[in-house]
Amino acid sequence: MIYVLAVLLVLVNAGFLVMTLFMLPGNWLMVAATMAVALWQWDAGMFSIYPLIAICALAAIGEVVEFLTSAIAVRKSGGTRKGSIGALLGGLPGGLVGTLVIPIPVVGTLVGAAVGAAAGACLFERRFAKRRPAESVRSGVAAGAGVLIGTVTKSVIGCVIWLIIAVAAFWP
């Protein structure tokens, strides 16, 4: 019974892993599903505490990385704090619009989020920081690249989380 549960957990978590590419909280859903199974099967010893702590820490790191990469990219490109805020505010609506406009799984969300962050950074640099168009565009391009890097990095961290869970589920 415990191995059937382990196989189901690994398969469900694989679906949650795909969600990270859509900028959804797939890492946290993997953590939640694993915690639920771990608590349910605590007496059976399906999981020890160490992999559970590790996956929680990695999920938190993944969120921080995804959230901050576009803002850091704007700052590294010579942009202002206002441009960083614009990148953060533009990424989410851009991802939603991209999902609707480009209905190709993963592609629409990623492209939309990158374009939204770029537009937000460019707009905030131009409007609030009074930067020249070339400087604003440079910040926008950096913000878009930062969103892509952040999403890919979070997905890679999600792969590590999934591997930890898969190994721990079958080898307590």
C-alpha atoms as a PDB file:
ATOM      1  CA  MET A   1       0.000   0.000   0.000  1.00  0.00           C
ATOM      2  CA  ILE A   2       2.775   2.413   0.866  1.00  0.00           C
ATOM      3  CA  TYR A   3       4.394   1.953  -2.569  1.00  0.00           C
ATOM      4  CA  VAL A   4       1.113   2.605  -4.363  1.00  0.00           C
ATOM      5  CA  LEU A   5       0.816   5.824  -2.378  1.00  0.00           C
ATOM      6  CA  ALA A   6       4.414   6.712  -3.243  1.00  0.00           C
ATOM      7  CA  VAL A   7       3.794   6.184  -6.972  1.00  0.00           C
ATOM      8  CA  LEU A   8       0.640   8.320  -6.827  1.00  0.00           C
ATOM      9  CA  LEU A   9       2.487  11.068  -4.956  1.00  0.00           C
ATOM     10  CA  VAL A  10       5.309  11.116  -7.500  1.00  0.00           C
ATOM     11  CA  LEU A  11       2.839  11.285 -10.411  1.00  0.00           C
ATOM     12  CA  VAL A  12       0.744  14.038  -8.830  1.00  0.00           C
ATOM     13  CA  ASN A  13       3.893  15.995  -8.024  1.00  0.00           C
ATOM     14  CA  ALA A  14       5.030  15.662 -11.650  1.00  0.00           C
ATOM     15  CA  GLY A  15       1.840  17.479 -12.627  1.00  0.00           C
ATOM     16  CA  PHE A  16       2.525  20.151 -10.036  1.00  0.00           C
ATOM     17  CA  LEU A  17       6.059  20.510 -11.410  1.00  0.00           C
ATOM     18  CA  VAL A  18       4.674  21.383 -14.846  1.00  0.00           C
ATOM     19  CA  MET A  19       2.651  24.157 -13.205  1.00  0.00           C
ATOM     20  CA  THR A  20       5.854  26.045 -12.337  1.00  0.00           C
ATOM     21  CA  LEU A  21       6.341  26.733 -16.046  1.00  0.00           C
ATOM     22  CA  PHE A  22       2.997  28.551 -16.002  1.00  0.00           C
ATOM     23  CA  MET A  23       4.240  30.745 -13.139  1.00  0.00           C
ATOM     24  CA  LEU A  24       1.868  28.937 -10.764  1.00  0.00           C
ATOM     25  CA  PRO A  25       2.799  27.716  -7.265  1.00  0.00           C
ATOM     26  CA  GLY A  26       3.636  24.164  -8.322  1.00  0.00           C
ATOM     27  CA  ASN A  27       6.545  23.900  -5.892  1.00  0.00           C
ATOM     28  CA  TRP A  28       4.296  24.746  -2.953  1.00  0.00           C
ATOM     29  CA  LEU A  29       1.668  22.286  -4.154  1.00  0.00           C
ATOM     30  CA  MET A  30       4.347  19.569  -4.242  1.00  0.00           C
ATOM     31  CA  VAL A  31       5.303  20.498  -0.684  1.00  0.00           C
ATOM     32  CA  ALA A  32       1.657  20.487   0.451  1.00  0.00           C
ATOM     33  CA  ALA A  33       0.900  17.108  -1.138  1.00  0.00           C
ATOM     34  CA  THR A  34       4.047  15.589   0.314  1.00  0.00           C
ATOM     35  CA  MET A  35       3.353  17.013   3.768  1.00  0.00           C
ATOM     36  CA  ALA A  36      -0.187  15.627   3.659  1.00  0.00           C
ATOM     37  CA  VAL A  37       1.058  12.150   2.742  1.00  0.00           C
ATOM     38  CA  ALA A  38       3.865  12.373   5.308  1.00  0.00           C
ATOM     39  CA  LEU A  39       1.422  13.257   8.084  1.00  0.00           C
ATOM     40  CA  TRP A  40      -1.026  10.584   6.980  1.00  0.00           C
ATOM     41  CA  GLN A  41       1.694   7.916   6.874  1.00  0.00           C
ATOM     42  CA  TRP A  42       3.831   9.246   9.746  1.00  0.00           C
ATOM     43  CA  ASP A  43       3.537   6.047  11.770  1.00  0.00           C
ATOM     44  CA  ALA A  44       4.584   3.991   8.735  1.00  0.00           C
ATOM     45  CA  GLY A  45       7.736   6.114   8.452  1.00  0.00           C
ATOM     46  CA  MET A  46       7.254   6.975   4.799  1.00  0.00           C
ATOM     47  CA  PHE A  47       9.219  10.228   5.137  1.00  0.00           C
ATOM     48  CA  SER A  48      11.788  11.436   7.617  1.00  0.00           C
ATOM     49  CA  ILE A  49      11.838  15.053   8.725  1.00  0.00           C
ATOM     50  CA  TYR A  50      14.973  15.998   6.748  1.00  0.00           C
ATOM     51  CA  PRO A  51      13.585  15.758   3.209  1.00  0.00           C
ATOM     52  CA  LEU A  52      10.487  17.637   4.368  1.00  0.00           C
ATOM     53  CA  ILE A  53      12.615  20.483   5.718  1.00  0.00           C
ATOM     54  CA  ALA A  54      14.707  20.484   2.538  1.00  0.00           C
ATOM     55  CA  ILE A  55      11.734  20.746   0.192  1.00  0.00           C
ATOM     56  CA  CYS A  56      10.201  23.573   2.245  1.00  0.00           C
ATOM     57  CA  ALA A  57      13.464  25.514   2.135  1.00  0.00           C
ATOM     58  CA  LEU A  58      13.884  24.933  -1.598  1.00  0.00           C
ATOM     59  CA  ALA A  59      10.306  26.021  -2.329  1.00  0.00           C
ATOM     60  CA  ALA A  60      10.899  29.259  -0.411  1.00  0.00           C
ATOM     61  CA  ILE A  61      14.164  29.865  -2.269  1.00  0.00           C
ATOM     62  CA  GLY A  62      12.400  29.245  -5.592  1.00  0.00           C
ATOM     63  CA  GLU A  63       9.737  31.839  -4.823  1.00  0.00           C
ATOM     64  CA  VAL A  64      12.285  34.455  -3.787  1.00  0.00           C
ATOM     65  CA  VAL A  65      14.372  33.827  -6.908  1.00  0.00           C
ATOM     66  CA  GLU A  66      11.379  34.048  -9.228  1.00  0.00           C
ATOM     67  CA  PHE A  67      10.085  37.198  -7.570  1.00  0.00           C
ATOM     68  CA  LEU A  68      13.354  39.108  -7.501  1.00  0.00           C
ATOM     69  CA  THR A  69      15.119  38.228 -10.765  1.00  0.00           C
ATOM     70  CA  SER A  70      13.316  40.771 -12.935  1.00  0.00           C
ATOM     71  CA  ALA A  71      13.832  43.538 -10.383  1.00  0.00           C
ATOM     72  CA  ILE A  72      17.512  42.663 -10.013  1.00  0.00           C
ATOM     73  CA  ALA A  73      17.940  42.525 -13.797  1.00  0.00           C
ATOM     74  CA  VAL A  74      16.488  46.030 -14.116  1.00  0.00           C
ATOM     75  CA  ARG A  75      18.871  47.351 -11.478  1.00  0.00           C
ATOM     76  CA  LYS A  76      21.870  45.626 -13.090  1.00  0.00           C
ATOM     77  CA  SER A  77      21.017  47.189 -16.446  1.00  0.00           C
ATOM     78  CA  GLY A  78      21.193  50.661 -14.941  1.00  0.00           C
ATOM     79  CA  GLY A  79      17.480  51.021 -14.266  1.00  0.00           C
ATOM     80  CA  THR A  80      15.934  52.707 -11.277  1.00  0.00           C
ATOM     81  CA  ARG A  81      13.944  51.376  -8.364  1.00  0.00           C
ATOM     82  CA  LYS A  82      10.804  52.612 -10.082  1.00  0.00           C
ATOM     83  CA  GLY A  83      11.649  50.470 -13.104  1.00  0.00           C
ATOM     84  CA  SER A  84      12.063  47.461 -10.822  1.00  0.00           C
ATOM     85  CA  ILE A  85       8.632  48.088  -9.337  1.00  0.00           C
ATOM     86  CA  GLY A  86       7.180  48.399 -12.834  1.00  0.00           C
ATOM     87  CA  ALA A  87       8.721  45.055 -13.790  1.00  0.00           C
ATOM     88  CA  LEU A  88       7.193  43.375 -10.752  1.00  0.00           C
ATOM     89  CA  LEU A  89       3.776  44.926 -11.385  1.00  0.00           C
ATOM     90  CA  GLY A  90       3.792  44.171 -15.116  1.00  0.00           C
ATOM     91  CA  GLY A  91       4.792  40.509 -14.940  1.00  0.00           C
ATOM     92  CA  LEU A  92       1.602  39.039 -13.492  1.00  0.00           C
ATOM     93  CA  PRO A  93      -0.956  40.736 -15.749  1.00  0.00           C
ATOM     94  CA  GLY A  94       1.352  40.103 -18.689  1.00  0.00           C
ATOM     95  CA  GLY A  95       1.379  36.397 -17.905  1.00  0.00           C
ATOM     96  CA  LEU A  96      -2.412  36.304 -17.711  1.00  0.00           C
ATOM     97  CA  VAL A  97      -2.857  38.182 -20.986  1.00  0.00           C
ATOM     98  CA  GLY A  98      -0.187  36.057 -22.667  1.00  0.00           C
ATOM     99  CA  THR A  99      -2.003  32.893 -21.653  1.00  0.00           C
ATOM    100  CA  LEU A 100      -5.178  34.158 -23.319  1.00  0.00           C
ATOM    101  CA  VAL A 101      -3.574  35.688 -26.418  1.00  0.00           C
ATOM    102  CA  ILE A 102      -1.080  32.873 -27.127  1.00  0.00           C
ATOM    103  CA  PRO A 103      -2.947  29.680 -26.209  1.00  0.00           C
ATOM    104  CA  ILE A 104       0.139  27.466 -26.528  1.00  0.00           C
ATOM    105  CA  PRO A 105       0.846  25.813 -23.171  1.00  0.00           C
ATOM    106  CA  VAL A 106       3.756  27.401 -21.294  1.00  0.00           C
ATOM    107  CA  VAL A 107       4.758  29.628 -24.233  1.00  0.00           C
ATOM    108  CA  GLY A 108       1.903  32.102 -23.860  1.00  0.00           C
ATOM    109  CA  THR A 109       2.428  32.491 -20.137  1.00  0.00           C
ATOM    110  CA  LEU A 110       6.198  32.923 -20.368  1.00  0.00           C
ATOM    111  CA  VAL A 111       6.095  35.314 -23.306  1.00  0.00           C
ATOM    112  CA  GLY A 112       3.261  37.294 -21.738  1.00  0.00           C
ATOM    113  CA  ALA A 113       5.035  37.589 -18.397  1.00  0.00           C
ATOM    114  CA  ALA A 114       8.281  38.654 -20.056  1.00  0.00           C
ATOM    115  CA  VAL A 115       6.532  41.236 -22.232  1.00  0.00           C
ATOM    116  CA  GLY A 116       4.461  42.456 -19.269  1.00  0.00           C
ATOM    117  CA  ALA A 117       7.537  42.889 -17.086  1.00  0.00           C
ATOM    118  CA  ALA A 118       9.369  44.618 -19.916  1.00  0.00           C
ATOM    119  CA  ALA A 119       6.443  46.954 -20.557  1.00  0.00           C
ATOM    120  CA  GLY A 120       6.019  47.686 -16.847  1.00  0.00           C
ATOM    121  CA  ALA A 121       9.696  48.493 -16.389  1.00  0.00           C
ATOM    122  CA  CYS A 122       9.819  50.615 -19.534  1.00  0.00           C
ATOM    123  CA  LEU A 123       6.646  52.501 -18.616  1.00  0.00           C
ATOM    124  CA  PHE A 124       7.716  53.175 -15.027  1.00  0.00           C
ATOM    125  CA  GLU A 125      11.210  54.238 -16.114  1.00  0.00           C
ATOM    126  CA  ARG A 126       9.793  56.637 -18.691  1.00  0.00           C
ATOM    127  CA  ARG A 127       6.837  58.003 -16.736  1.00  0.00           C
ATOM    128  CA  PHE A 128       8.000  58.134 -13.126  1.00  0.00           C
ATOM    129  CA  ALA A 129      11.789  58.137 -13.315  1.00  0.00           C
ATOM    130  CA  LYS A 130      11.834  60.516 -16.319  1.00  0.00           C
ATOM    131  CA  ARG A 131      14.407  58.385 -18.165  1.00  0.00           C
ATOM    132  CA  ARG A 132      15.153  58.697 -21.868  1.00  0.00           C
ATOM    133  CA  PRO A 133      13.515  56.181 -24.231  1.00  0.00           C
ATOM    134  CA  ALA A 134      16.740  54.228 -24.845  1.00  0.00           C
ATOM    135  CA  GLU A 135      17.351  53.842 -21.109  1.00  0.00           C
ATOM    136  CA  SER A 136      13.746  52.806 -20.550  1.00  0.00           C
ATOM    137  CA  VAL A 137      13.893  50.174 -23.267  1.00  0.00           C
ATOM    138  CA  ARG A 138      17.161  48.780 -21.874  1.00  0.00           C
ATOM    139  CA  SER A 139      15.494  48.386 -18.478  1.00  0.00           C
ATOM    140  CA  GLY A 140      12.461  46.771 -20.093  1.00  0.00           C
ATOM    141  CA  VAL A 141      14.526  44.225 -21.998  1.00  0.00           C
ATOM    142  CA  ALA A 142      16.425  43.369 -18.819  1.00  0.00           C
ATOM    143  CA  ALA A 143      13.140  42.924 -16.938  1.00  0.00           C
ATOM    144  CA  GLY A 144      11.791  40.560 -19.592  1.00  0.00           C
ATOM    145  CA  ALA A 145      14.976  38.509 -19.530  1.00  0.00           C
ATOM    146  CA  GLY A 146      14.833  38.467 -15.732  1.00  0.00           C
ATOM    147  CA  VAL A 147      11.318  37.010 -15.749  1.00  0.00           C
ATOM    148  CA  LEU A 148      12.390  34.226 -18.091  1.00  0.00           C
ATOM    149  CA  ILE A 149      15.488  33.475 -16.014  1.00  0.00           C
ATOM    150  CA  GLY A 150      13.454  33.505 -12.800  1.00  0.00           C
ATOM    151  CA  THR A 151      10.812  31.135 -14.137  1.00  0.00           C
ATOM    152  CA  VAL A 152      13.371  28.701 -15.508  1.00  0.00           C
ATOM    153  CA  THR A 153      15.346  28.830 -12.244  1.00  0.00           C
ATOM    154  CA  LYS A 154      12.208  28.170 -10.203  1.00  0.00           C
ATOM    155  CA  SER A 155      11.385  25.226 -12.460  1.00  0.00           C
ATOM    156  CA  VAL A 156      14.891  23.802 -12.022  1.00  0.00           C
ATOM    157  CA  ILE A 157      14.490  24.128  -8.254  1.00  0.00           C
ATOM    158  CA  GLY A 158      11.131  22.379  -8.679  1.00  0.00           C
ATOM    159  CA  CYS A 159      12.906  19.492 -10.428  1.00  0.00           C
ATOM    160  CA  VAL A 160      15.236  19.182  -7.438  1.00  0.00           C
ATOM    161  CA  ILE A 161      12.237  19.192  -5.083  1.00  0.00           C
ATOM    162  CA  TRP A 162      10.533  16.516  -7.171  1.00  0.00           C
ATOM    163  CA  LEU A 163      13.667  14.345  -7.143  1.00  0.00           C
ATOM    164  CA  ILE A 164      14.040  14.674  -3.371  1.00  0.00           C
ATOM    165  CA  ILE A 165      10.415  13.642  -2.906  1.00  0.00           C
ATOM    166  CA  ALA A 166      10.697  10.747  -5.364  1.00  0.00           C
ATOM    167  CA  VAL A 167      13.803   9.358  -3.681  1.00  0.00           C
ATOM    168  CA  ALA A 168      12.482   9.905  -0.153  1.00  0.00           C
ATOM    169  CA  ALA A 169       9.120   8.299  -0.961  1.00  0.00           C
ATOM    170  CA  PHE A 170      10.740   5.021  -1.982  1.00  0.00           C
ATOM    171  CA  TRP A 171      13.756   5.102   0.313  1.00  0.00           C
ATOM    172  CA  PRO A 172      12.821   6.316   3.780  1.00  0.00           C
END
